[in-house]
Amino acid sequence: MDKITEQEFVRLCSGISEDSEKICKHNPIGTREEILLWMLLSVLISYLSLSEIEVPCFVGKPTEKTYRDAILRVLQTRKENAFDADKYLNQLLRKTDHLLLLK
């Protein structure tokens, strides 16, 4: 089972934040927050090599909360070390020019 460290999670969030304008422009599927969380979930599915059974399924139209909950659920068993992923999700969704995710 593949795991993710806090440092790697921060790197993924930072990369998505840096490319957020391009991501949102080319994926007009919902709100900015929904699009960025959708992208992060997609990256995590690939990065962690989730099996088909482990990939979250949604009923109806997913919302920001749906994506956030799915990301946190995936991370529950896939964190290499304990860290507060919600903190980084909040930072990712903040509209800023530069995201200071690393301490």
N, C-alpha and C. Protein backbone atom coordinates (compact mmCIF):
# COMPACT_ATOMS: atom_id res chain seq x y z
N MET A 1 0.85 -1.19 0.00
CA MET A 1 0.00 0.00 0.00
C MET A 1 0.88 1.24 0.00
N ASP A 2 0.65 2.12 -0.95
CA ASP A 2 1.42 3.36 -1.02
C ASP A 2 0.93 4.34 0.04
N LYS A 3 1.88 5.07 0.60
CA LYS A 3 1.58 6.06 1.64
C LYS A 3 2.07 7.42 1.17
N ILE A 4 1.62 8.48 1.84
CA ILE A 4 2.04 9.83 1.51
C ILE A 4 2.50 10.55 2.78
N THR A 5 3.61 11.26 2.65
CA THR A 5 4.12 12.05 3.77
C THR A 5 3.50 13.44 3.74
N GLU A 6 3.63 14.13 4.84
CA GLU A 6 3.13 15.51 4.90
C GLU A 6 3.83 16.35 3.84
N GLN A 7 5.12 16.18 3.70
CA GLN A 7 5.90 16.96 2.74
C GLN A 7 5.40 16.73 1.31
N GLU A 8 5.09 15.50 0.96
CA GLU A 8 4.58 15.19 -0.38
C GLU A 8 3.19 15.76 -0.58
N PHE A 9 2.35 15.69 0.45
CA PHE A 9 1.01 16.26 0.36
C PHE A 9 1.09 17.77 0.15
N VAL A 10 1.97 18.41 0.87
CA VAL A 10 2.17 19.86 0.72
C VAL A 10 2.64 20.17 -0.70
N ARG A 11 3.55 19.35 -1.23
CA ARG A 11 4.06 19.57 -2.58
C ARG A 11 2.93 19.46 -3.61
N LEU A 12 2.06 18.47 -3.45
CA LEU A 12 0.93 18.32 -4.36
C LEU A 12 -0.02 19.52 -4.27
N CYS A 13 -0.34 19.94 -3.05
CA CYS A 13 -1.22 21.09 -2.86
C CYS A 13 -0.60 22.36 -3.44
N SER A 14 0.70 22.54 -3.25
CA SER A 14 1.39 23.72 -3.77
C SER A 14 1.36 23.74 -5.29
N GLY A 15 1.60 22.60 -5.90
CA GLY A 15 1.59 22.52 -7.36
C GLY A 15 0.22 22.85 -7.93
N ILE A 16 -0.82 22.33 -7.30
CA ILE A 16 -2.18 22.62 -7.75
C ILE A 16 -2.49 24.10 -7.54
N SER A 17 -2.03 24.65 -6.43
CA SER A 17 -2.25 26.07 -6.16
C SER A 17 -1.55 26.94 -7.23
N GLU A 18 -0.32 26.59 -7.55
CA GLU A 18 0.43 27.35 -8.55
C GLU A 18 -0.24 27.31 -9.92
N ASP A 19 -0.85 26.20 -10.26
CA ASP A 19 -1.49 26.02 -11.56
C ASP A 19 -3.00 26.22 -11.52
N SER A 20 -3.50 26.79 -10.44
CA SER A 20 -4.96 26.86 -10.23
C SER A 20 -5.69 27.59 -11.35
N GLU A 21 -5.13 28.66 -11.87
CA GLU A 21 -5.80 29.39 -12.94
C GLU A 21 -5.97 28.52 -14.18
N LYS A 22 -4.91 27.82 -14.56
CA LYS A 22 -4.97 26.94 -15.73
C LYS A 22 -5.93 25.78 -15.48
N ILE A 23 -5.85 25.21 -14.29
CA ILE A 23 -6.72 24.08 -13.95
C ILE A 23 -8.19 24.49 -14.04
N CYS A 24 -8.52 25.63 -13.46
CA CYS A 24 -9.92 26.09 -13.47
C CYS A 24 -10.37 26.47 -14.88
N LYS A 25 -9.48 27.07 -15.65
CA LYS A 25 -9.83 27.48 -17.01
C LYS A 25 -10.17 26.28 -17.88
N HIS A 26 -9.44 25.19 -17.72
CA HIS A 26 -9.61 24.03 -18.59
C HIS A 26 -10.54 22.96 -18.01
N ASN A 27 -11.07 23.19 -16.82
CA ASN A 27 -11.98 22.24 -16.19
C ASN A 27 -13.17 22.97 -15.57
N PRO A 28 -13.99 23.59 -16.38
CA PRO A 28 -15.11 24.37 -15.83
C PRO A 28 -16.27 23.48 -15.37
N ILE A 29 -16.00 22.64 -14.37
CA ILE A 29 -17.01 21.68 -13.92
C ILE A 29 -17.78 22.14 -12.69
N GLY A 30 -17.37 23.22 -12.09
CA GLY A 30 -18.02 23.67 -10.86
C GLY A 30 -17.36 24.93 -10.35
N THR A 31 -17.43 25.13 -9.05
CA THR A 31 -16.79 26.30 -8.44
C THR A 31 -15.28 26.09 -8.42
N ARG A 32 -14.56 27.16 -8.19
CA ARG A 32 -13.10 27.09 -8.09
C ARG A 32 -12.69 26.05 -7.05
N GLU A 33 -13.34 26.08 -5.89
CA GLU A 33 -13.01 25.15 -4.82
C GLU A 33 -13.26 23.71 -5.22
N GLU A 34 -14.39 23.46 -5.87
CA GLU A 34 -14.71 22.11 -6.32
C GLU A 34 -13.68 21.61 -7.33
N ILE A 35 -13.30 22.47 -8.25
CA ILE A 35 -12.34 22.09 -9.29
C ILE A 35 -10.98 21.74 -8.68
N LEU A 36 -10.49 22.57 -7.76
CA LEU A 36 -9.18 22.32 -7.16
C LEU A 36 -9.19 21.05 -6.31
N LEU A 37 -10.26 20.83 -5.56
CA LEU A 37 -10.35 19.61 -4.75
C LEU A 37 -10.51 18.38 -5.64
N TRP A 38 -11.26 18.51 -6.72
CA TRP A 38 -11.41 17.42 -7.69
C TRP A 38 -10.04 17.04 -8.26
N MET A 39 -9.24 18.07 -8.60
CA MET A 39 -7.91 17.82 -9.15
C MET A 39 -7.03 17.14 -8.11
N LEU A 40 -7.05 17.61 -6.87
CA LEU A 40 -6.24 17.01 -5.82
C LEU A 40 -6.65 15.56 -5.58
N LEU A 41 -7.94 15.29 -5.54
CA LEU A 41 -8.41 13.92 -5.36
C LEU A 41 -7.92 13.04 -6.50
N SER A 42 -8.01 13.54 -7.72
CA SER A 42 -7.55 12.78 -8.88
C SER A 42 -6.06 12.48 -8.80
N VAL A 43 -5.28 13.45 -8.38
CA VAL A 43 -3.84 13.26 -8.23
C VAL A 43 -3.55 12.22 -7.14
N LEU A 44 -4.27 12.32 -6.03
CA LEU A 44 -4.06 11.36 -4.94
C LEU A 44 -4.41 9.93 -5.36
N ILE A 45 -5.48 9.79 -6.13
CA ILE A 45 -5.86 8.46 -6.61
C ILE A 45 -4.72 7.84 -7.41
N SER A 46 -4.12 8.63 -8.26
CA SER A 46 -3.00 8.15 -9.07
C SER A 46 -1.73 7.97 -8.22
N TYR A 47 -1.40 8.98 -7.44
CA TYR A 47 -0.18 8.98 -6.63
C TYR A 47 -0.14 7.79 -5.66
N LEU A 48 -1.30 7.50 -5.07
CA LEU A 48 -1.37 6.44 -4.07
C LEU A 48 -1.74 5.08 -4.69
N SER A 49 -1.89 5.06 -6.00
CA SER A 49 -2.23 3.83 -6.72
C SER A 49 -3.44 3.13 -6.09
N LEU A 50 -4.51 3.91 -5.89
CA LEU A 50 -5.72 3.35 -5.30
C LEU A 50 -6.34 2.33 -6.24
N SER A 51 -6.81 1.25 -5.67
CA SER A 51 -7.51 0.25 -6.47
C SER A 51 -8.90 0.78 -6.79
N GLU A 52 -9.56 0.13 -7.73
CA GLU A 52 -10.90 0.54 -8.13
C GLU A 52 -11.86 0.55 -6.93
N ILE A 53 -11.67 -0.37 -6.03
CA ILE A 53 -12.53 -0.47 -4.84
C ILE A 53 -12.28 0.70 -3.88
N GLU A 54 -11.04 1.22 -3.86
CA GLU A 54 -10.69 2.30 -2.92
C GLU A 54 -11.06 3.68 -3.42
N VAL A 55 -11.31 3.83 -4.71
CA VAL A 55 -11.62 5.14 -5.28
C VAL A 55 -13.02 5.57 -4.83
N PRO A 56 -13.13 6.77 -4.24
CA PRO A 56 -14.43 7.24 -3.76
C PRO A 56 -15.45 7.36 -4.90
N CYS A 57 -16.67 6.97 -4.62
CA CYS A 57 -17.79 7.11 -5.57
C CYS A 57 -18.75 8.14 -5.01
N PHE A 58 -19.37 8.90 -5.90
CA PHE A 58 -20.29 9.95 -5.47
C PHE A 58 -21.68 9.70 -6.03
N VAL A 59 -22.67 10.03 -5.23
CA VAL A 59 -24.06 9.97 -5.66
C VAL A 59 -24.49 11.41 -5.90
N GLY A 60 -25.04 11.68 -7.06
CA GLY A 60 -25.45 13.05 -7.38
C GLY A 60 -24.27 13.90 -7.75
N LYS A 61 -24.47 15.22 -7.73
CA LYS A 61 -23.41 16.17 -8.10
C LYS A 61 -22.52 16.44 -6.89
N PRO A 62 -21.22 16.11 -7.00
CA PRO A 62 -20.31 16.36 -5.87
C PRO A 62 -20.16 17.86 -5.58
N THR A 63 -19.96 18.17 -4.32
CA THR A 63 -19.76 19.55 -3.88
C THR A 63 -18.36 19.68 -3.29
N GLU A 64 -18.03 20.89 -2.88
CA GLU A 64 -16.75 21.12 -2.22
C GLU A 64 -16.61 20.19 -1.01
N LYS A 65 -17.67 20.08 -0.22
CA LYS A 65 -17.64 19.23 0.97
C LYS A 65 -17.45 17.76 0.59
N THR A 66 -18.12 17.33 -0.47
CA THR A 66 -18.00 15.95 -0.92
C THR A 66 -16.54 15.62 -1.26
N TYR A 67 -15.91 16.51 -2.04
CA TYR A 67 -14.51 16.29 -2.44
C TYR A 67 -13.58 16.34 -1.22
N ARG A 68 -13.80 17.32 -0.36
CA ARG A 68 -12.96 17.46 0.85
C ARG A 68 -13.06 16.19 1.71
N ASP A 69 -14.27 15.74 1.95
CA ASP A 69 -14.48 14.53 2.75
C ASP A 69 -13.81 13.32 2.11
N ALA A 70 -13.91 13.21 0.79
CA ALA A 70 -13.30 12.09 0.08
C ALA A 70 -11.77 12.12 0.21
N ILE A 71 -11.19 13.30 0.09
CA ILE A 71 -9.73 13.43 0.23
C ILE A 71 -9.30 13.03 1.64
N LEU A 72 -10.01 13.54 2.64
CA LEU A 72 -9.66 13.21 4.03
C LEU A 72 -9.84 11.73 4.31
N ARG A 73 -10.86 11.12 3.73
CA ARG A 73 -11.09 9.68 3.90
C ARG A 73 -9.95 8.87 3.27
N VAL A 74 -9.53 9.26 2.08
CA VAL A 74 -8.42 8.57 1.41
C VAL A 74 -7.16 8.68 2.26
N LEU A 75 -6.92 9.87 2.79
CA LEU A 75 -5.69 10.10 3.56
C LEU A 75 -5.70 9.38 4.91
N GLN A 76 -6.88 9.09 5.42
CA GLN A 76 -7.00 8.45 6.73
C GLN A 76 -6.10 7.22 6.87
N THR A 77 -6.06 6.40 5.85
CA THR A 77 -5.27 5.17 5.92
C THR A 77 -4.00 5.24 5.09
N ARG A 78 -3.75 6.38 4.45
CA ARG A 78 -2.61 6.47 3.55
C ARG A 78 -1.53 7.46 3.98
N LYS A 79 -1.67 8.06 5.16
CA LYS A 79 -0.64 8.99 5.65
C LYS A 79 0.54 8.19 6.20
N GLU A 80 1.73 8.58 5.77
CA GLU A 80 2.96 7.96 6.29
C GLU A 80 3.16 8.37 7.75
N ASN A 81 2.83 9.62 8.04
CA ASN A 81 2.96 10.17 9.39
C ASN A 81 1.72 11.03 9.65
N ALA A 82 1.43 11.28 10.91
CA ALA A 82 0.24 12.07 11.26
C ALA A 82 0.46 13.54 10.90
N PHE A 83 -0.51 14.12 10.20
CA PHE A 83 -0.49 15.56 9.91
C PHE A 83 -1.92 16.03 9.66
N ASP A 84 -2.10 17.34 9.77
CA ASP A 84 -3.42 17.95 9.62
C ASP A 84 -3.64 18.33 8.16
N ALA A 85 -4.18 17.42 7.38
CA ALA A 85 -4.42 17.66 5.96
C ALA A 85 -5.44 18.78 5.75
N ASP A 86 -6.41 18.89 6.64
CA ASP A 86 -7.44 19.91 6.51
C ASP A 86 -6.82 21.32 6.47
N LYS A 87 -5.77 21.52 7.22
CA LYS A 87 -5.07 22.81 7.24
C LYS A 87 -4.57 23.16 5.83
N TYR A 88 -4.01 22.19 5.14
CA TYR A 88 -3.48 22.42 3.80
C TYR A 88 -4.59 22.57 2.77
N LEU A 89 -5.69 21.88 2.97
CA LEU A 89 -6.84 22.06 2.08
C LEU A 89 -7.39 23.48 2.21
N ASN A 90 -7.46 23.98 3.44
CA ASN A 90 -7.92 25.36 3.64
C ASN A 90 -7.00 26.35 2.95
N GLN A 91 -5.70 26.13 3.03
CA GLN A 91 -4.74 27.02 2.37
C GLN A 91 -4.85 26.92 0.85
N LEU A 92 -5.05 25.72 0.35
CA LEU A 92 -5.19 25.52 -1.10
C LEU A 92 -6.37 26.31 -1.64
N LEU A 93 -7.45 26.35 -0.89
CA LEU A 93 -8.67 26.99 -1.37
C LEU A 93 -8.70 28.49 -1.17
N ARG A 94 -7.75 29.01 -0.41
CA ARG A 94 -7.65 30.45 -0.22
C ARG A 94 -7.14 31.08 -1.51
N LYS A 95 -7.75 32.17 -1.92
CA LYS A 95 -7.29 32.86 -3.13
C LYS A 95 -6.13 33.78 -2.75
N THR A 96 -4.93 33.34 -3.08
CA THR A 96 -3.75 34.17 -2.86
C THR A 96 -2.81 33.97 -4.04
N ASP A 97 -1.92 34.93 -4.25
CA ASP A 97 -0.95 34.80 -5.34
C ASP A 97 0.11 33.77 -5.00
N HIS A 98 0.49 33.71 -3.75
CA HIS A 98 1.52 32.77 -3.33
C HIS A 98 1.02 31.99 -2.12
N LEU A 99 1.10 30.71 -2.21
CA LEU A 99 0.63 29.84 -1.14
C LEU A 99 1.82 29.44 -0.29
N LEU A 100 1.77 29.77 0.98
CA LEU A 100 2.86 29.43 1.88
C LEU A 100 2.46 28.19 2.67
N LEU A 101 2.63 27.04 2.06
CA LEU A 101 2.25 25.80 2.71
C LEU A 101 3.35 25.25 3.61
N LEU A 102 4.59 25.50 3.26
CA LEU A 102 5.68 24.97 4.07
C LEU A 102 6.00 25.94 5.19
N LYS A 103 6.42 25.38 6.31
CA LYS A 103 6.73 26.21 7.48
C LYS A 103 7.99 26.99 7.26
